[in-house]
N, C-alpha and C. Protein backbone atom coordinates (compact mmCIF):
# COMPACT_ATOMS: atom_id res chain seq x y z
N UNK A 1 -30.69 -8.97 -66.12
CA UNK A 1 -29.42 -8.32 -66.26
C UNK A 1 -29.08 -8.15 -67.73
N UNK A 2 -28.56 -6.99 -68.00
CA UNK A 2 -28.20 -6.80 -69.41
C UNK A 2 -26.92 -7.54 -69.74
N UNK A 3 -26.80 -7.95 -70.97
CA UNK A 3 -25.58 -8.64 -71.40
C UNK A 3 -24.52 -7.59 -71.66
N UNK A 4 -23.30 -7.93 -71.29
CA UNK A 4 -22.20 -6.97 -71.43
C UNK A 4 -21.41 -7.36 -72.68
N UNK A 5 -21.48 -6.49 -73.65
CA UNK A 5 -20.72 -6.75 -74.86
C UNK A 5 -19.45 -5.93 -74.85
N UNK A 6 -19.50 -4.77 -74.35
CA UNK A 6 -18.31 -3.96 -74.19
C UNK A 6 -18.51 -3.08 -72.95
N UNK A 7 -17.43 -2.51 -72.47
CA UNK A 7 -17.46 -1.76 -71.22
C UNK A 7 -17.80 -0.30 -71.51
N UNK A 8 -19.05 0.07 -71.11
CA UNK A 8 -19.51 1.44 -71.33
C UNK A 8 -19.72 2.09 -69.99
N UNK A 9 -19.86 3.42 -69.96
CA UNK A 9 -20.11 4.07 -68.67
C UNK A 9 -21.39 3.59 -68.01
N UNK A 10 -22.39 3.23 -68.75
CA UNK A 10 -23.62 2.72 -68.17
C UNK A 10 -23.36 1.41 -67.45
N UNK A 11 -22.60 0.55 -68.04
CA UNK A 11 -22.26 -0.73 -67.41
C UNK A 11 -21.41 -0.47 -66.17
N UNK A 12 -20.49 0.47 -66.26
CA UNK A 12 -19.66 0.80 -65.12
C UNK A 12 -20.50 1.29 -63.94
N UNK A 13 -21.42 2.24 -64.19
CA UNK A 13 -22.27 2.77 -63.11
C UNK A 13 -23.23 1.70 -62.60
N UNK A 14 -23.71 0.87 -63.45
CA UNK A 14 -24.59 -0.22 -63.00
C UNK A 14 -23.83 -1.17 -62.09
N UNK A 15 -22.59 -1.44 -62.42
CA UNK A 15 -21.76 -2.32 -61.58
C UNK A 15 -21.49 -1.66 -60.23
N UNK A 16 -21.17 -0.37 -60.24
CA UNK A 16 -20.93 0.36 -58.99
C UNK A 16 -22.18 0.35 -58.13
N UNK A 17 -23.34 0.64 -58.73
CA UNK A 17 -24.60 0.62 -57.97
C UNK A 17 -24.88 -0.76 -57.41
N UNK A 18 -24.58 -1.78 -58.17
CA UNK A 18 -24.78 -3.15 -57.70
C UNK A 18 -23.89 -3.47 -56.51
N UNK A 19 -22.62 -3.04 -56.58
CA UNK A 19 -21.70 -3.28 -55.46
C UNK A 19 -22.15 -2.51 -54.23
N UNK A 20 -22.57 -1.24 -54.42
CA UNK A 20 -23.07 -0.46 -53.29
C UNK A 20 -24.32 -1.09 -52.68
N UNK A 21 -25.21 -1.57 -53.53
CA UNK A 21 -26.44 -2.21 -53.04
C UNK A 21 -26.09 -3.46 -52.24
N UNK A 22 -25.09 -4.23 -52.71
CA UNK A 22 -24.68 -5.44 -51.97
C UNK A 22 -24.07 -5.06 -50.62
N UNK A 23 -23.26 -3.98 -50.58
CA UNK A 23 -22.67 -3.53 -49.31
C UNK A 23 -23.75 -3.08 -48.34
N UNK A 24 -24.72 -2.31 -48.85
CA UNK A 24 -25.80 -1.84 -48.00
C UNK A 24 -26.61 -3.02 -47.49
N UNK A 25 -26.90 -3.98 -48.35
CA UNK A 25 -27.64 -5.17 -47.93
C UNK A 25 -26.86 -5.93 -46.87
N UNK A 26 -25.54 -6.08 -47.06
CA UNK A 26 -24.72 -6.76 -46.07
C UNK A 26 -24.76 -6.03 -44.73
N UNK A 27 -24.66 -4.70 -44.76
CA UNK A 27 -24.69 -3.92 -43.52
C UNK A 27 -26.03 -4.06 -42.81
N UNK A 28 -27.10 -4.06 -43.55
CA UNK A 28 -28.43 -4.22 -42.95
C UNK A 28 -28.54 -5.59 -42.30
N UNK A 29 -28.11 -6.61 -43.00
CA UNK A 29 -28.20 -7.98 -42.46
C UNK A 29 -27.32 -8.09 -41.22
N UNK A 30 -26.13 -7.53 -41.27
CA UNK A 30 -25.24 -7.59 -40.11
C UNK A 30 -25.84 -6.85 -38.91
N UNK A 31 -26.43 -5.69 -39.14
CA UNK A 31 -27.06 -4.93 -38.05
C UNK A 31 -28.22 -5.71 -37.42
N UNK A 32 -29.02 -6.32 -38.26
CA UNK A 32 -30.14 -7.11 -37.75
C UNK A 32 -29.61 -8.29 -36.93
N UNK A 33 -28.59 -8.97 -37.47
CA UNK A 33 -27.99 -10.09 -36.74
C UNK A 33 -27.42 -9.61 -35.39
N UNK A 34 -26.70 -8.49 -35.38
CA UNK A 34 -26.12 -7.95 -34.15
C UNK A 34 -27.20 -7.56 -33.14
N UNK A 35 -28.29 -6.96 -33.63
CA UNK A 35 -29.39 -6.58 -32.73
C UNK A 35 -30.04 -7.81 -32.13
N UNK A 36 -30.27 -8.83 -32.93
CA UNK A 36 -30.88 -10.07 -32.41
C UNK A 36 -29.95 -10.73 -31.40
N UNK A 37 -28.66 -10.78 -31.70
CA UNK A 37 -27.70 -11.39 -30.78
C UNK A 37 -27.64 -10.61 -29.46
N UNK A 38 -27.69 -9.29 -29.52
CA UNK A 38 -27.68 -8.46 -28.30
C UNK A 38 -28.93 -8.71 -27.47
N UNK A 39 -30.07 -8.77 -28.13
CA UNK A 39 -31.33 -9.04 -27.41
C UNK A 39 -31.28 -10.42 -26.76
N UNK A 40 -30.78 -11.41 -27.45
CA UNK A 40 -30.69 -12.76 -26.88
C UNK A 40 -29.72 -12.79 -25.69
N UNK A 41 -28.61 -12.08 -25.79
CA UNK A 41 -27.65 -12.04 -24.69
C UNK A 41 -28.26 -11.37 -23.46
N UNK A 42 -28.99 -10.30 -23.66
CA UNK A 42 -29.64 -9.62 -22.53
C UNK A 42 -30.66 -10.54 -21.87
N UNK A 43 -31.43 -11.26 -22.68
CA UNK A 43 -32.41 -12.21 -22.11
C UNK A 43 -31.70 -13.29 -21.30
N UNK A 44 -30.58 -13.81 -21.85
CA UNK A 44 -29.83 -14.85 -21.14
C UNK A 44 -29.29 -14.31 -19.81
N UNK A 45 -28.79 -13.08 -19.81
CA UNK A 45 -28.28 -12.49 -18.57
C UNK A 45 -29.40 -12.27 -17.56
N UNK A 46 -30.58 -11.87 -18.04
CA UNK A 46 -31.71 -11.70 -17.12
C UNK A 46 -32.11 -13.02 -16.49
N UNK A 47 -32.16 -14.07 -17.28
CA UNK A 47 -32.55 -15.37 -16.72
C UNK A 47 -31.48 -15.89 -15.76
N UNK A 48 -30.21 -15.64 -16.06
CA UNK A 48 -29.15 -16.05 -15.13
C UNK A 48 -29.20 -15.25 -13.84
N UNK A 49 -29.50 -13.96 -13.98
CA UNK A 49 -29.57 -13.11 -12.79
C UNK A 49 -30.75 -13.48 -11.90
N UNK A 50 -31.78 -14.04 -12.51
CA UNK A 50 -32.96 -14.42 -11.73
C UNK A 50 -32.74 -15.72 -10.98
N UNK A 51 -31.74 -16.49 -11.34
CA UNK A 51 -31.47 -17.75 -10.65
C UNK A 51 -30.98 -17.46 -9.24
N UNK A 52 -31.36 -18.32 -8.28
CA UNK A 52 -30.98 -18.06 -6.89
C UNK A 52 -29.47 -18.19 -6.63
N UNK A 53 -28.77 -19.01 -7.38
CA UNK A 53 -27.34 -19.19 -7.13
C UNK A 53 -26.46 -18.30 -7.99
N UNK A 54 -27.05 -17.32 -8.64
CA UNK A 54 -26.27 -16.41 -9.50
C UNK A 54 -25.26 -15.61 -8.68
N UNK A 55 -25.71 -15.09 -7.57
CA UNK A 55 -24.81 -14.30 -6.71
C UNK A 55 -23.65 -15.16 -6.20
N UNK A 56 -23.95 -16.40 -5.86
CA UNK A 56 -22.91 -17.32 -5.41
C UNK A 56 -21.88 -17.57 -6.51
N UNK A 57 -22.37 -17.78 -7.72
CA UNK A 57 -21.47 -18.04 -8.84
C UNK A 57 -20.57 -16.83 -9.10
N UNK A 58 -21.17 -15.66 -9.07
CA UNK A 58 -20.38 -14.44 -9.29
C UNK A 58 -19.36 -14.26 -8.17
N UNK A 59 -19.78 -14.46 -6.93
CA UNK A 59 -18.85 -14.28 -5.81
C UNK A 59 -17.74 -15.32 -5.86
N UNK A 60 -18.03 -16.55 -6.28
CA UNK A 60 -16.99 -17.57 -6.41
C UNK A 60 -15.97 -17.17 -7.47
N UNK A 61 -16.46 -16.64 -8.58
CA UNK A 61 -15.53 -16.21 -9.63
C UNK A 61 -14.65 -15.07 -9.14
N UNK A 62 -15.24 -14.13 -8.42
CA UNK A 62 -14.46 -13.01 -7.90
C UNK A 62 -13.43 -13.51 -6.90
N UNK A 63 -13.83 -14.40 -6.03
CA UNK A 63 -12.91 -14.94 -5.02
C UNK A 63 -11.78 -15.72 -5.69
N UNK A 64 -12.11 -16.48 -6.74
CA UNK A 64 -11.07 -17.23 -7.45
C UNK A 64 -10.04 -16.29 -8.06
N UNK A 65 -10.50 -15.15 -8.56
CA UNK A 65 -9.56 -14.20 -9.15
C UNK A 65 -8.74 -13.48 -8.08
N UNK A 66 -9.35 -13.23 -6.92
CA UNK A 66 -8.67 -12.46 -5.87
C UNK A 66 -7.86 -13.34 -4.92
N UNK A 67 -8.11 -14.62 -4.90
CA UNK A 67 -7.44 -15.51 -3.94
C UNK A 67 -5.92 -15.45 -4.03
N UNK A 68 -5.31 -15.50 -5.21
CA UNK A 68 -3.85 -15.40 -5.24
C UNK A 68 -3.33 -14.07 -4.69
N UNK A 69 -4.04 -13.00 -4.95
CA UNK A 69 -3.63 -11.70 -4.42
C UNK A 69 -3.74 -11.68 -2.91
N UNK A 70 -4.81 -12.28 -2.36
CA UNK A 70 -4.97 -12.33 -0.91
C UNK A 70 -3.84 -13.12 -0.26
N UNK A 71 -3.47 -14.25 -0.89
CA UNK A 71 -2.39 -15.06 -0.33
C UNK A 71 -1.08 -14.28 -0.32
N UNK A 72 -0.82 -13.55 -1.40
CA UNK A 72 0.39 -12.74 -1.47
C UNK A 72 0.37 -11.64 -0.41
N UNK A 73 -0.77 -11.00 -0.24
CA UNK A 73 -0.90 -9.94 0.76
C UNK A 73 -0.70 -10.51 2.17
N UNK A 74 -1.30 -11.67 2.44
CA UNK A 74 -1.14 -12.29 3.76
C UNK A 74 0.31 -12.68 4.02
N UNK A 75 1.00 -13.18 2.98
CA UNK A 75 2.41 -13.53 3.15
C UNK A 75 3.23 -12.28 3.46
N UNK A 76 2.96 -11.21 2.74
CA UNK A 76 3.68 -9.96 3.01
C UNK A 76 3.37 -9.41 4.40
N UNK A 77 2.12 -9.53 4.82
CA UNK A 77 1.75 -9.08 6.16
C UNK A 77 2.47 -9.90 7.24
N UNK A 78 2.60 -11.21 7.00
CA UNK A 78 3.33 -12.06 7.95
C UNK A 78 4.79 -11.64 8.05
N UNK A 79 5.40 -11.36 6.89
CA UNK A 79 6.79 -10.89 6.90
C UNK A 79 6.91 -9.56 7.64
N UNK A 80 5.97 -8.66 7.38
CA UNK A 80 6.00 -7.36 8.04
C UNK A 80 5.81 -7.50 9.55
N UNK A 81 4.92 -8.41 9.97
CA UNK A 81 4.70 -8.62 11.40
C UNK A 81 5.98 -9.14 12.06
N UNK A 82 6.64 -10.11 11.40
CA UNK A 82 7.89 -10.62 11.96
C UNK A 82 8.94 -9.52 12.06
N UNK A 83 9.02 -8.70 11.03
CA UNK A 83 9.98 -7.60 11.03
C UNK A 83 9.67 -6.62 12.17
N UNK A 84 8.39 -6.28 12.34
CA UNK A 84 8.01 -5.37 13.42
C UNK A 84 8.28 -5.96 14.79
N UNK A 85 8.00 -7.26 14.95
CA UNK A 85 8.30 -7.92 16.23
C UNK A 85 9.80 -7.87 16.53
N UNK A 86 10.63 -8.11 15.50
CA UNK A 86 12.08 -8.04 15.70
C UNK A 86 12.50 -6.62 16.08
N UNK A 87 11.91 -5.63 15.43
CA UNK A 87 12.25 -4.25 15.76
C UNK A 87 11.82 -3.89 17.18
N UNK A 88 10.64 -4.36 17.58
CA UNK A 88 10.19 -4.09 18.95
C UNK A 88 11.12 -4.73 19.97
N UNK A 89 11.59 -5.94 19.68
CA UNK A 89 12.53 -6.61 20.57
C UNK A 89 13.83 -5.81 20.67
N UNK A 90 14.32 -5.36 19.53
CA UNK A 90 15.55 -4.56 19.52
C UNK A 90 15.36 -3.26 20.28
N UNK A 91 14.23 -2.60 20.05
CA UNK A 91 13.96 -1.32 20.72
C UNK A 91 13.84 -1.50 22.23
N UNK A 92 13.17 -2.58 22.66
CA UNK A 92 13.05 -2.80 24.11
C UNK A 92 14.43 -3.07 24.72
N UNK A 93 15.30 -3.79 23.99
CA UNK A 93 16.66 -4.01 24.48
C UNK A 93 17.44 -2.70 24.57
N UNK A 94 17.28 -1.86 23.57
CA UNK A 94 17.95 -0.56 23.58
C UNK A 94 17.44 0.29 24.74
N UNK A 95 16.13 0.28 24.96
CA UNK A 95 15.57 1.07 26.06
C UNK A 95 16.08 0.55 27.41
N UNK A 96 16.18 -0.76 27.55
CA UNK A 96 16.68 -1.31 28.80
C UNK A 96 18.15 -0.92 28.99
N UNK A 97 18.94 -1.01 27.95
CA UNK A 97 20.35 -0.60 28.04
C UNK A 97 20.47 0.88 28.34
N UNK A 98 19.59 1.68 27.75
CA UNK A 98 19.61 3.12 27.99
C UNK A 98 19.29 3.43 29.45
N UNK A 99 18.29 2.74 30.01
CA UNK A 99 17.95 3.01 31.41
C UNK A 99 19.08 2.54 32.34
N UNK A 100 19.72 1.42 32.01
CA UNK A 100 20.85 0.95 32.81
C UNK A 100 22.01 1.95 32.73
N UNK A 101 22.25 2.47 31.52
CA UNK A 101 23.31 3.46 31.35
C UNK A 101 23.00 4.73 32.13
N UNK A 102 21.72 5.13 32.08
CA UNK A 102 21.28 6.33 32.83
C UNK A 102 21.52 6.13 34.32
N UNK A 103 21.14 4.96 34.85
CA UNK A 103 21.35 4.68 36.27
C UNK A 103 22.83 4.72 36.62
N UNK A 104 23.67 4.18 35.72
CA UNK A 104 25.12 4.20 35.95
C UNK A 104 25.66 5.62 35.95
N UNK A 105 25.17 6.44 35.01
CA UNK A 105 25.62 7.83 34.97
C UNK A 105 25.19 8.59 36.22
N UNK A 106 23.99 8.35 36.68
CA UNK A 106 23.52 9.00 37.91
C UNK A 106 24.42 8.60 39.07
N UNK A 107 24.76 7.31 39.17
CA UNK A 107 25.61 6.85 40.27
C UNK A 107 27.00 7.49 40.17
N UNK A 108 27.55 7.55 38.95
CA UNK A 108 28.87 8.16 38.77
C UNK A 108 28.83 9.64 39.13
N UNK A 109 27.79 10.33 38.69
CA UNK A 109 27.68 11.76 38.99
C UNK A 109 27.53 12.00 40.49
N UNK A 110 26.74 11.16 41.15
CA UNK A 110 26.59 11.30 42.61
C UNK A 110 27.93 11.06 43.30
N UNK A 111 28.67 10.08 42.82
CA UNK A 111 29.98 9.79 43.40
C UNK A 111 30.92 10.97 43.19
N UNK A 112 30.92 11.52 41.99
CA UNK A 112 31.78 12.68 41.72
C UNK A 112 31.37 13.88 42.56
N UNK A 113 30.08 14.06 42.77
CA UNK A 113 29.61 15.17 43.62
C UNK A 113 30.08 14.97 45.06
N UNK A 114 29.99 13.73 45.53
CA UNK A 114 30.45 13.46 46.90
C UNK A 114 31.95 13.73 47.03
N UNK A 115 32.72 13.32 46.04
CA UNK A 115 34.16 13.57 46.08
C UNK A 115 34.44 15.06 46.01
N UNK A 116 33.71 15.75 45.13
CA UNK A 116 33.93 17.20 44.98
C UNK A 116 33.58 17.92 46.27
N UNK A 117 32.49 17.54 46.93
CA UNK A 117 32.12 18.19 48.17
C UNK A 117 33.11 17.85 49.29
N UNK A 118 33.59 16.62 49.30
CA UNK A 118 34.55 16.21 50.34
C UNK A 118 35.87 16.95 50.18
N UNK A 119 36.32 17.09 48.94
CA UNK A 119 37.60 17.75 48.74
C UNK A 119 37.50 19.26 48.86
N UNK A 120 36.30 19.80 48.71
CA UNK A 120 36.16 21.26 48.78
C UNK A 120 35.95 21.75 50.21
N UNK A 121 35.86 20.85 51.19
CA UNK A 121 35.60 21.26 52.57
C UNK A 121 36.73 22.15 53.08
N UNK A 122 37.93 21.73 52.93
CA UNK A 122 39.03 22.53 53.43
C UNK A 122 39.70 23.34 52.33
N UNK A 123 39.22 23.22 51.13
CA UNK A 123 39.83 23.86 49.97
C UNK A 123 38.91 24.92 49.43
N UNK A 124 39.37 26.14 49.33
CA UNK A 124 38.53 27.22 48.81
C UNK A 124 38.90 27.55 47.37
N UNK A 125 39.14 26.54 46.57
CA UNK A 125 39.52 26.75 45.17
C UNK A 125 38.31 27.19 44.37
N UNK A 126 38.45 28.26 43.64
CA UNK A 126 37.35 28.77 42.82
C UNK A 126 37.02 27.80 41.69
N UNK A 127 38.04 27.18 41.14
CA UNK A 127 37.80 26.22 40.05
C UNK A 127 37.01 25.02 40.54
N UNK A 128 37.36 24.52 41.73
CA UNK A 128 36.64 23.37 42.29
C UNK A 128 35.20 23.73 42.62
N UNK A 129 34.99 24.93 43.16
CA UNK A 129 33.62 25.36 43.46
C UNK A 129 32.81 25.56 42.17
N UNK A 130 33.45 26.09 41.13
CA UNK A 130 32.75 26.27 39.84
C UNK A 130 32.41 24.92 39.23
N UNK A 131 33.33 23.97 39.30
CA UNK A 131 33.08 22.63 38.76
C UNK A 131 31.96 21.96 39.54
N UNK A 132 31.97 22.11 40.88
CA UNK A 132 30.92 21.53 41.71
C UNK A 132 29.56 22.16 41.38
N UNK A 133 29.54 23.47 41.18
CA UNK A 133 28.28 24.15 40.82
C UNK A 133 27.79 23.69 39.46
N UNK A 134 28.71 23.56 38.51
CA UNK A 134 28.32 23.08 37.17
C UNK A 134 27.76 21.66 37.24
N UNK A 135 28.41 20.79 38.02
CA UNK A 135 27.94 19.41 38.16
C UNK A 135 26.57 19.38 38.84
N UNK A 136 26.39 20.21 39.86
CA UNK A 136 25.09 20.27 40.55
C UNK A 136 24.00 20.75 39.60
N UNK A 137 24.31 21.74 38.81
CA UNK A 137 23.32 22.25 37.84
C UNK A 137 23.00 21.18 36.80
N UNK A 138 24.02 20.50 36.32
CA UNK A 138 23.78 19.43 35.34
C UNK A 138 22.89 18.33 35.93
N UNK A 139 23.22 17.89 37.13
CA UNK A 139 22.43 16.85 37.77
C UNK A 139 20.99 17.30 37.99
N UNK A 140 20.81 18.55 38.35
CA UNK A 140 19.46 19.05 38.62
C UNK A 140 18.63 19.14 37.35
N UNK A 141 19.26 19.57 36.26
CA UNK A 141 18.48 19.80 35.03
C UNK A 141 18.37 18.54 34.17
N UNK A 142 19.46 17.84 33.96
CA UNK A 142 19.45 16.72 33.02
C UNK A 142 18.98 15.42 33.63
N UNK A 143 19.65 15.00 34.66
CA UNK A 143 19.38 13.67 35.23
C UNK A 143 18.19 13.73 36.18
N UNK A 144 18.17 14.69 37.04
CA UNK A 144 17.09 14.76 38.02
C UNK A 144 15.75 15.10 37.38
N UNK A 145 15.77 15.97 36.36
CA UNK A 145 14.50 16.38 35.70
C UNK A 145 13.94 15.33 34.77
N UNK A 146 14.81 14.47 34.22
CA UNK A 146 14.36 13.46 33.25
C UNK A 146 14.18 12.09 33.84
N UNK A 147 14.47 11.90 35.12
CA UNK A 147 14.35 10.56 35.71
C UNK A 147 12.88 10.16 35.80
N UNK A 148 12.69 8.88 35.70
CA UNK A 148 11.30 8.38 35.64
C UNK A 148 10.76 8.06 36.99
C-alpha cells in the first residue's frame, strides 16, 4: 500500500476501488454462504421426508393448527342444530294449530250452510240465495279443494 502524505485524486480513486472491491468480495462470500445454506437445507428436508414418520409429524402439526378452528365450528354447528330443532318444534306447533283452525272453519262454514239452507226453504230472498251460493262456492274452492 502506498503511504498517504496528502489527499490526491489517485489516492481517492484507489480508496474507492478498494471499497468497491471489499463490497464485491462481501457479496461473493455472502452468495456462496447462502448457496451452501440452501443446499444443506434441501438435503435436510430430503432426509426428513424420507423418514417413515414424516407424514405423521406433518399431519400432527396441521391438526394442531386446525383443532381450535374445528372446535369452534363444531360449537357453532351445535348451536345451529339447537336453533333448527327449536324452529322445527315451533313450525310443527303452528301447522297443528293451522289444521285445527281449518277444521274449525270447515265446521263453522258447514253450520252456516245448514242454517242458510234451512232458512231459505220457505224464503225466496235473492240476497239469501246469493249469500248461500257465495258460501257454497267458497267451500267448494277454498276448503274442499285444499283439504288433506
